[in-house]
Protein backbone atom coordinates (compact mmCIF):
# COMPACT_ATOMS: atom_id res chain seq x y z
CA MET A 1 -1.85 4.81 -10.69
CA LYS A 2 -1.57 5.36 -14.46
CA PHE A 3 -0.72 9.15 -15.34
CA HIS A 4 -3.79 9.56 -17.65
CA LYS A 5 -6.13 8.78 -14.86
CA SER A 6 -4.42 11.10 -12.29
CA ILE A 7 -5.90 14.53 -11.23
CA ASN A 8 -2.72 16.19 -12.43
CA PHE A 9 -3.36 14.98 -16.09
CA LYS A 10 -7.08 15.99 -15.92
CA LEU A 11 -6.13 19.52 -14.71
CA THR A 12 -3.41 19.86 -17.21
CA PHE A 13 -5.75 18.59 -19.96
CA TRP A 14 -8.71 20.76 -19.25
CA TYR A 15 -6.57 23.93 -18.57
CA GLY A 16 -4.83 23.33 -21.88
CA LEU A 17 -8.15 22.58 -23.75
CA VAL A 18 -9.69 25.91 -22.31
CA THR A 19 -6.72 27.82 -23.41
CA PHE A 20 -6.72 26.31 -26.81
CA ILE A 21 -10.65 26.89 -27.33
CA SER A 22 -10.38 30.47 -25.98
CA GLY A 23 -7.56 31.32 -28.41
CA MET A 24 -9.30 29.82 -31.40
CA ILE A 25 -12.31 31.94 -30.49
CA ILE A 26 -10.22 35.00 -30.52
CA LEU A 27 -8.38 33.94 -33.69
CA PHE A 28 -11.86 33.34 -35.50
CA VAL A 29 -13.14 36.72 -34.37
CA VAL A 30 -10.14 38.69 -35.37
CA ASN A 31 -10.08 37.02 -38.86
CA PHE A 32 -13.90 37.45 -39.27
CA ILE A 33 -13.51 41.15 -38.65
CA TYR A 34 -10.54 41.58 -40.82
CA VAL A 35 -12.12 39.61 -43.55
CA ARG A 36 -14.93 41.93 -43.66
CA PHE A 37 -12.67 44.85 -43.65
CA VAL A 38 -10.77 43.49 -46.60
CA ASN A 39 -13.99 43.06 -48.60
CA GLN A 40 -15.07 46.62 -48.01
CA THR A 41 -14.45 49.05 -50.94
CA LEU A 42 -11.84 51.68 -50.77
CA GLU A 43 -14.51 54.32 -50.58
CA ASP A 44 -16.14 52.69 -47.44
CA VAL A 45 -12.88 52.91 -45.46
CA LEU A 46 -11.68 56.36 -46.49
CA PRO A 47 -12.59 59.31 -44.23
CA GLY A 48 -15.30 61.61 -45.76
CA PRO A 49 -13.11 64.60 -47.20
CA ILE A 50 -10.43 62.07 -48.61
CA ARG A 51 -13.15 59.98 -50.09
CA GLN A 52 -14.57 62.97 -52.09
CA ARG A 53 -10.99 63.97 -53.23
CA PHE A 54 -10.29 60.30 -54.27
CA LEU A 55 -13.56 60.11 -56.28
CA THR A 56 -12.77 63.15 -58.01
CA LEU A 57 -9.38 62.12 -58.83
CA GLU A 58 -10.70 58.71 -59.96
CA HIS A 59 -12.97 60.47 -62.52
CA ASP A 60 -10.11 62.86 -63.58
CA ASN A 61 -7.46 60.11 -63.78
CA ARG A 62 -7.91 56.53 -64.73
CA GLY A 63 -4.86 55.40 -62.95
CA ASN A 64 -6.61 55.67 -59.62
CA TYR A 65 -8.14 52.24 -60.40
CA ARG A 66 -4.64 50.83 -60.37
CA ILE A 67 -4.11 52.39 -56.95
CA ARG A 68 -7.41 50.78 -55.73
CA ASP A 69 -6.19 47.37 -56.83
CA LEU A 70 -2.90 47.81 -55.26
CA LEU A 71 -4.44 48.82 -51.84
CA LYS A 72 -6.65 45.80 -51.94
CA GLU A 73 -3.80 43.54 -52.72
CA ILE A 74 -1.89 44.95 -49.83
CA ARG A 75 -4.82 44.51 -47.36
CA GLU A 76 -5.21 40.83 -48.57
CA ASN A 77 -1.53 40.10 -48.05
CA ASP A 78 -1.77 41.79 -44.53
CA ALA A 79 -4.69 39.57 -43.74
CA LYS A 80 -2.65 36.44 -44.72
CA GLN A 81 0.29 37.55 -42.43
CA ILE A 82 -2.21 38.26 -39.63
CA GLN A 83 -3.57 34.73 -39.82
CA LYS A 84 0.04 33.11 -39.99
CA ILE A 85 1.07 35.25 -36.98
CA SER A 86 -2.33 34.41 -35.18
CA LEU A 87 -1.83 30.58 -35.67
CA PHE A 88 1.79 30.85 -34.38
CA VAL A 89 0.58 32.81 -31.33
CA ILE A 90 -2.18 30.29 -30.61
CA THR A 91 0.17 27.34 -30.96
CA GLY A 92 2.71 28.98 -28.53
CA ASN A 93 -0.19 30.06 -26.32
CA LEU A 94 -1.35 26.38 -26.22
CA LEU A 95 2.13 25.00 -25.33
CA ILE A 96 2.64 27.67 -22.66
CA GLY A 97 -1.00 26.80 -21.27
CA ILE A 98 -0.24 23.06 -21.04
CA THR A 99 3.26 23.65 -19.52
CA GLY A 100 1.86 26.20 -17.09
CA GLY A 101 -1.13 24.02 -16.32
CA TYR A 102 1.00 21.00 -15.66
CA ILE A 103 3.33 23.00 -13.19
CA LEU A 104 0.34 24.75 -11.64
CA ALA A 105 -1.49 21.31 -11.10
CA LYS A 106 1.66 19.69 -9.84
CA GLN A 107 2.20 22.53 -7.36
CA MET A 108 -1.46 22.42 -6.16
CA LEU A 109 -1.55 18.62 -5.77
CA ARG A 110 1.81 18.32 -3.92
CA PRO A 111 0.14 18.75 -0.54
CA ILE A 112 -2.40 15.93 -1.47
CA LYS A 113 0.37 13.72 -2.61
CA ARG A 114 2.04 14.15 0.70
CA ILE A 115 -1.18 13.42 2.56
CA ASN A 116 -1.53 10.26 0.44
CA LYS A 117 2.05 8.91 1.21
CA GLU A 118 1.35 9.74 4.89
CA ILE A 119 -1.89 7.89 4.86
CA SER A 120 -0.54 4.78 3.12
CA GLU A 121 2.01 4.30 6.05
CA ILE A 122 -0.62 4.40 8.71
CA GLU A 123 -1.98 1.05 9.85
CA ALA A 124 -4.03 -0.20 12.81
CA LYS A 125 -0.70 -0.61 14.91
CA ASN A 126 0.19 3.15 14.38
CA LEU A 127 -3.05 5.07 14.36
CA HIS A 128 -1.55 7.51 16.88
CA ARG A 129 0.59 8.74 14.10
CA LYS A 130 -0.63 12.21 12.94
CA ILE A 131 -0.23 13.79 9.60
CA PRO A 132 1.36 17.32 10.12
CA GLN A 133 -0.59 20.28 8.91
CA SER A 134 0.96 23.15 6.90
CA GLY A 135 -0.60 26.01 8.73
CA THR A 136 -2.23 27.67 5.73
CA ASN A 137 -5.61 27.10 7.31
CA ASP A 138 -7.09 26.16 3.94
CA GLU A 139 -9.32 23.13 2.68
CA ILE A 140 -6.28 20.83 2.71
CA ASP A 141 -5.56 21.71 6.35
CA GLU A 142 -8.95 21.17 7.23
CA LEU A 143 -8.96 17.79 5.49
CA ILE A 144 -5.86 16.77 7.47
CA GLY A 145 -7.46 17.85 10.74
CA ASN A 146 -10.54 15.75 10.18
CA PHE A 147 -8.38 12.79 9.27
CA ASN A 148 -6.39 13.05 12.44
CA THR A 149 -9.58 13.36 14.44
CA MET A 150 -10.82 10.18 12.72
CA THR A 151 -7.77 8.30 13.59
CA ASP A 152 -7.88 9.34 17.14
CA ARG A 153 -11.58 8.05 17.45
CA LEU A 154 -10.34 4.67 15.72
CA GLN A 155 -7.40 4.39 18.12
CA LYS A 156 -9.82 4.64 21.02
CA SER A 157 -12.10 1.95 19.58
CA PHE A 158 -9.15 -0.31 18.94
CA ASP A 159 -7.81 0.29 22.47
CA VAL A 160 -11.28 -0.61 23.92
CA GLN A 161 -11.39 -3.75 21.73
CA GLY A 162 -8.03 -4.88 22.82
CA GLU A 163 -8.63 -4.28 26.48
CA PHE A 164 -11.88 -6.30 26.03
CA VAL A 165 -10.12 -9.16 24.32
CA ALA A 166 -7.40 -9.27 26.86
CA ASN A 167 -9.73 -8.98 29.86
CA ALA A 168 -12.09 -11.76 28.44
CA SER A 169 -9.04 -14.03 27.56
CA HIS A 170 -7.61 -13.60 31.09
CA GLU A 171 -10.96 -14.28 32.91
CA LEU A 172 -11.65 -17.37 30.73
CA LYS A 173 -8.30 -18.93 31.52
CA THR A 174 -9.28 -19.85 35.05
CA PRO A 175 -12.49 -21.83 34.28
CA MET A 176 -10.57 -23.50 31.22
CA ALA A 177 -7.74 -24.60 33.69
CA VAL A 178 -10.42 -25.88 36.09
CA LEU A 179 -12.04 -27.86 33.27
CA MET A 180 -8.90 -29.33 32.11
CA THR A 181 -8.01 -30.30 35.68
CA ASN A 182 -11.26 -31.95 36.28
CA ILE A 183 -11.28 -33.91 32.97
CA GLU A 184 -7.75 -35.04 33.61
CA THR A 185 -8.64 -36.19 37.12
CA ALA A 186 -11.69 -38.09 35.80
CA LEU A 187 -9.51 -39.83 33.20
CA MET A 188 -7.31 -41.13 35.94
CA ASN A 189 -10.12 -43.25 37.21
CA LYS A 190 -9.54 -46.72 35.66
CA ASN A 191 -13.01 -47.96 36.43
CA ILE A 192 -14.95 -45.49 33.93
CA PRO A 193 -16.68 -47.06 30.93
CA ARG A 194 -14.81 -46.89 27.54
CA ASP A 195 -17.26 -44.64 25.92
CA THR A 196 -17.30 -42.09 28.80
CA LYS A 197 -13.42 -42.15 28.45
CA GLU A 198 -13.69 -41.27 24.91
CA TYR A 199 -16.06 -38.51 25.54
CA LEU A 200 -13.69 -37.11 28.12
CA GLU A 201 -10.53 -37.36 25.93
CA THR A 202 -12.54 -35.52 23.15
CA SER A 203 -13.64 -32.73 25.60
CA LEU A 204 -10.15 -32.45 26.97
CA GLY A 205 -8.70 -31.94 23.47
CA THR A 206 -11.30 -29.26 22.83
CA VAL A 207 -10.72 -27.48 26.12
CA TYR A 208 -6.99 -27.61 25.48
CA ASN A 209 -7.50 -26.06 21.92
CA MET A 210 -9.57 -23.33 23.50
CA ASN A 211 -7.03 -22.68 26.04
CA VAL A 212 -4.29 -22.31 23.18
CA LEU A 213 -6.62 -19.97 21.36
CA LEU A 214 -7.06 -17.72 24.53
CA GLU A 215 -3.36 -17.56 25.01
CA ASP A 216 -2.92 -16.52 21.42
CA LEU A 217 -5.61 -13.86 21.85
CA LEU A 218 -4.08 -12.63 25.07
CA LEU A 219 -0.65 -12.48 23.40
CA LEU A 220 -1.83 -10.48 20.41
CA SER A 221 -3.74 -8.02 22.61
CA SER A 222 -0.66 -7.27 24.62
CA LEU A 223 2.30 -7.44 22.32
CA GLU A 224 3.17 -3.77 22.53
CA LYS A 225 4.27 -3.87 26.22
CA TYR A 226 6.96 -6.49 25.14
CA LYS A 227 8.81 -3.89 23.22
CA LYS A 228 10.46 -2.52 26.38
CA SER A 229 12.01 -5.76 27.05
CA PHE A 230 14.32 -6.00 23.99
CA GLU A 231 17.69 -7.20 24.55
CA SER A 232 20.84 -8.38 22.49
CA VAL A 233 20.13 -11.72 21.15
CA ASN A 234 22.47 -14.28 19.48
CA TYR A 235 20.22 -15.14 16.61
CA LEU A 236 21.94 -18.21 15.42
CA ARG A 237 21.79 -19.83 18.91
CA LEU A 238 18.14 -18.82 19.05
CA ILE A 239 17.45 -20.71 15.69
CA LYS A 240 19.39 -23.79 16.81
CA ASN A 241 17.47 -24.06 20.08
CA LEU A 242 14.07 -23.61 18.46
CA THR A 243 14.86 -26.30 16.04
CA LYS A 244 15.87 -28.73 18.83
CA ASN A 245 12.56 -28.04 20.44
CA LEU A 246 10.73 -29.06 17.39
CA ASP A 247 12.74 -32.26 16.73
CA SER A 248 9.91 -34.52 18.34
CA ILE A 249 7.52 -33.15 15.69
CA ALA A 250 9.99 -33.58 12.84
CA ASN A 251 11.00 -36.97 13.92
CA LYS A 252 7.56 -38.34 13.79
CA LYS A 253 7.63 -37.60 10.00
CA ASP A 254 11.35 -38.43 9.62
CA ILE A 255 11.95 -34.81 8.47
CA GLU A 256 15.52 -33.16 8.59
CA VAL A 257 15.70 -29.53 9.50
CA LYS A 258 19.00 -28.01 7.89
CA ILE A 259 20.40 -24.75 9.00
CA THR A 260 22.88 -22.76 6.65
CA THR A 261 24.43 -19.60 7.86
CA PRO A 262 27.46 -17.46 6.74
CA GLU A 263 28.46 -16.41 10.23
CA GLU A 264 28.78 -18.02 13.65
CA LYS A 265 27.60 -15.10 15.68
CA ILE A 266 24.87 -12.69 14.54
CA LEU A 267 23.50 -10.15 17.19
CA ILE A 268 20.14 -8.49 16.89
CA LYS A 269 17.96 -6.34 19.35
CA ALA A 270 14.91 -8.48 20.07
CA ASN A 271 12.73 -10.11 22.65
CA PRO A 272 13.97 -13.65 22.54
CA THR A 273 10.78 -15.28 23.71
CA LEU A 274 8.41 -13.54 21.17
CA LEU A 275 11.02 -13.99 18.28
CA ASN A 276 11.33 -17.73 19.20
CA ARG A 277 7.62 -17.93 19.06
CA ALA A 278 7.40 -16.08 15.63
CA ILE A 279 10.20 -18.24 13.77
CA SER A 280 8.72 -21.47 15.61
CA ASN A 281 5.37 -20.94 14.09
CA VAL A 282 6.87 -20.84 10.83
CA VAL A 283 9.08 -23.81 11.01
CA GLU A 284 6.33 -25.82 12.76
CA ASN A 285 4.00 -25.10 9.90
CA ALA A 286 6.68 -26.20 7.38
CA ILE A 287 7.00 -29.55 9.23
CA LYS A 288 3.16 -30.05 9.53
CA TYR A 289 2.60 -29.63 5.74
CA SER A 290 5.82 -31.14 4.21
CA GLN A 291 6.03 -34.62 2.97
CA GLU A 292 7.45 -37.45 5.08
CA GLN A 293 11.17 -38.13 4.73
CA SER A 294 11.93 -34.70 3.33
CA ILE A 295 14.32 -31.87 4.15
CA ILE A 296 13.32 -28.34 5.53
CA GLU A 297 16.04 -25.73 4.94
CA ILE A 298 16.54 -22.64 7.07
CA GLN A 299 18.86 -20.26 5.29
CA ILE A 300 20.20 -17.27 7.14
CA GLU A 301 21.86 -14.55 5.17
CA SER A 302 23.40 -11.28 6.50
CA ASN A 303 24.39 -8.10 5.06
CA ALA A 304 25.44 -4.61 6.36
CA ARG A 305 21.83 -3.73 7.70
CA GLU A 306 19.67 -6.69 7.49
CA LEU A 307 19.34 -10.24 8.59
CA ILE A 308 17.34 -12.49 6.13
CA THR A 309 16.04 -15.95 7.24
CA LYS A 310 14.42 -18.21 4.55
CA VAL A 311 12.27 -21.22 5.72
CA ILE A 312 12.08 -23.48 2.67
CA ASP A 313 9.77 -26.56 2.63
CA ASN A 314 8.49 -28.97 0.01
CA GLY A 315 4.79 -28.97 1.06
CA PRO A 316 1.84 -28.37 -1.21
CA GLY A 317 2.57 -24.72 -1.41
CA ILE A 318 0.40 -21.72 -1.06
CA ASP A 319 -1.39 -20.05 -4.15
CA LYS A 320 -0.23 -16.59 -4.90
CA LYS A 321 -3.60 -15.05 -4.18
CA TYR A 322 -3.18 -16.12 -0.58
CA HIS A 323 0.15 -14.73 0.08
CA LYS A 324 -1.25 -11.68 1.87
CA LEU A 325 -4.40 -13.17 3.33
CA ILE A 326 -2.39 -16.00 5.11
CA PHE A 327 -1.15 -13.55 7.74
CA GLU A 328 -4.67 -12.35 8.67
CA ARG A 329 -6.28 -13.54 11.86
CA PHE A 330 -8.28 -16.65 11.60
CA PHE A 331 -7.65 -17.15 7.86
CA ARG A 332 -7.37 -20.69 6.69
CA ILE A 333 -6.82 -21.96 3.07
CA ASP A 334 -8.19 -25.42 3.81
CA ASP A 335 -10.38 -25.17 6.94
CA SER A 336 -10.70 -28.93 7.36
CA ARG A 337 -6.93 -29.61 6.96
CA SER A 338 -6.06 -26.69 9.52
CA ARG A 339 -8.38 -28.08 12.06
CA LYS A 340 -6.93 -31.61 11.87
CA THR A 341 -3.42 -30.20 12.62
CA GLY A 342 -4.83 -28.33 15.70
CA GLY A 343 -4.24 -24.82 14.38
CA SER A 344 -6.27 -21.91 15.82
CA GLY A 345 -5.78 -19.68 12.75
CA LEU A 346 -3.71 -17.13 14.64
CA GLY A 347 -0.20 -18.61 14.32
CA LEU A 348 0.99 -16.63 11.30
CA ALA A 349 -0.95 -13.52 12.32
CA ILE A 350 1.06 -13.69 15.59
CA THR A 351 4.26 -14.10 13.62
CA LYS A 352 3.53 -11.17 11.46
CA GLU A 353 2.70 -8.96 14.40
CA ILE A 354 5.77 -10.09 16.20
CA ILE A 355 8.11 -9.49 13.31
CA ASN A 356 6.46 -6.05 12.65
CA LEU A 357 7.24 -5.25 16.40
CA HIS A 358 10.76 -5.83 15.71
CA ASN A 359 10.67 -3.47 12.69
CA GLY A 360 10.99 -6.50 10.38
CA GLU A 361 9.00 -7.82 7.44
CA ILE A 362 7.75 -11.37 6.55
CA LYS A 363 6.52 -12.39 3.09
CA ILE A 364 6.18 -15.49 0.99
CA GLN A 365 7.93 -16.43 -2.19
CA GLU A 366 6.96 -19.17 -4.66
CA ASN A 367 9.00 -22.42 -4.52
CA LYS A 368 8.36 -24.16 -7.81
CA PRO A 369 7.37 -26.80 -8.59
CA MET A 370 6.20 -27.23 -5.06
CA GLY A 371 6.72 -25.95 -1.63
CA THR A 372 6.85 -22.63 -0.05
CA ILE A 373 9.57 -20.04 0.99
CA PHE A 374 8.90 -17.74 4.01
CA VAL A 375 11.24 -14.80 3.97
CA ILE A 376 11.80 -13.04 7.31
CA THR A 377 13.81 -9.77 7.27
CA LEU A 378 15.13 -8.27 10.51
CA PRO A 379 17.24 -5.14 11.21
CA LYS A 380 20.72 -5.94 12.52
CA THR A 381 22.16 -4.39 15.71
CA ASP A 382 24.38 -1.39 15.03
């Protein structure tokens, strides 16, 4: 957020402006009164007895006119000095007001900045996280309490939704399995007409896709329980095994999958089944959308704390405006193309959830002039 649009700036600006205007009003009033005082005659400002003596002396001694002129000159000079001092005081008052206003606004807004930072770190997967109250029982504490209550209600709603999806997916698996078995049994009959066989094969493909979708939904709704089953995993061996499992898909397009790594053995704390699923989704997508007779690179880099895996393809690429949307559930850039490849729209969403479960991060980099680079960052085992 730009500073000139912040509440801190607005409070400082208005506080300084009010200080400046009030100072200018005081300066105007003081100078107005003093100017009127300067314009008064000497007789008007002298007390009664002294005024009478002065008038008597004035008539007796013409030199008193000179005294009157000198006194007036002194008052005018005093007025100019007062104006200079007033302007200096007002300027200093303005600077003090702006500085004080900024410090005061910063102190007042510090709890709000803390709340804003805490809220930005709260997502659907960690709604149980609470913002600590300061114990002052003021409006900010009341705001924090209301926000924590709201996240509790949201957490309950997400829990109910997750349970419903998990239960519905589980209950639908049995009838789907029965449908697949019945269709496969019917296809084994060599005497069925050709058009009937085509209908059955189409239905079998549809049921199979629905079954994959149910499996994905069931996995998404129950990811948290897998966190308890983390173990020490040889990461390089996991990558080599998953690429072997995808050889059949790559060979159909005559695509070579190359792996480059700086180390022979890298250990991380993970659930091997889930991590295999997450990275396989990325590599499989790279194979699907890459050109035939091309090369897909899996580059593994390691530093003291992190393990960085880059999956580089030479497919059509992903526009920058889709770099975050691509990880949302059921999002497709090209719906017709995705359905031809048999995707459910949950592959990358599952990948992101699994990587997040491992306290990692996945993002997309541009690979000009074509292609996409998926970057997966995972914490290393201490």
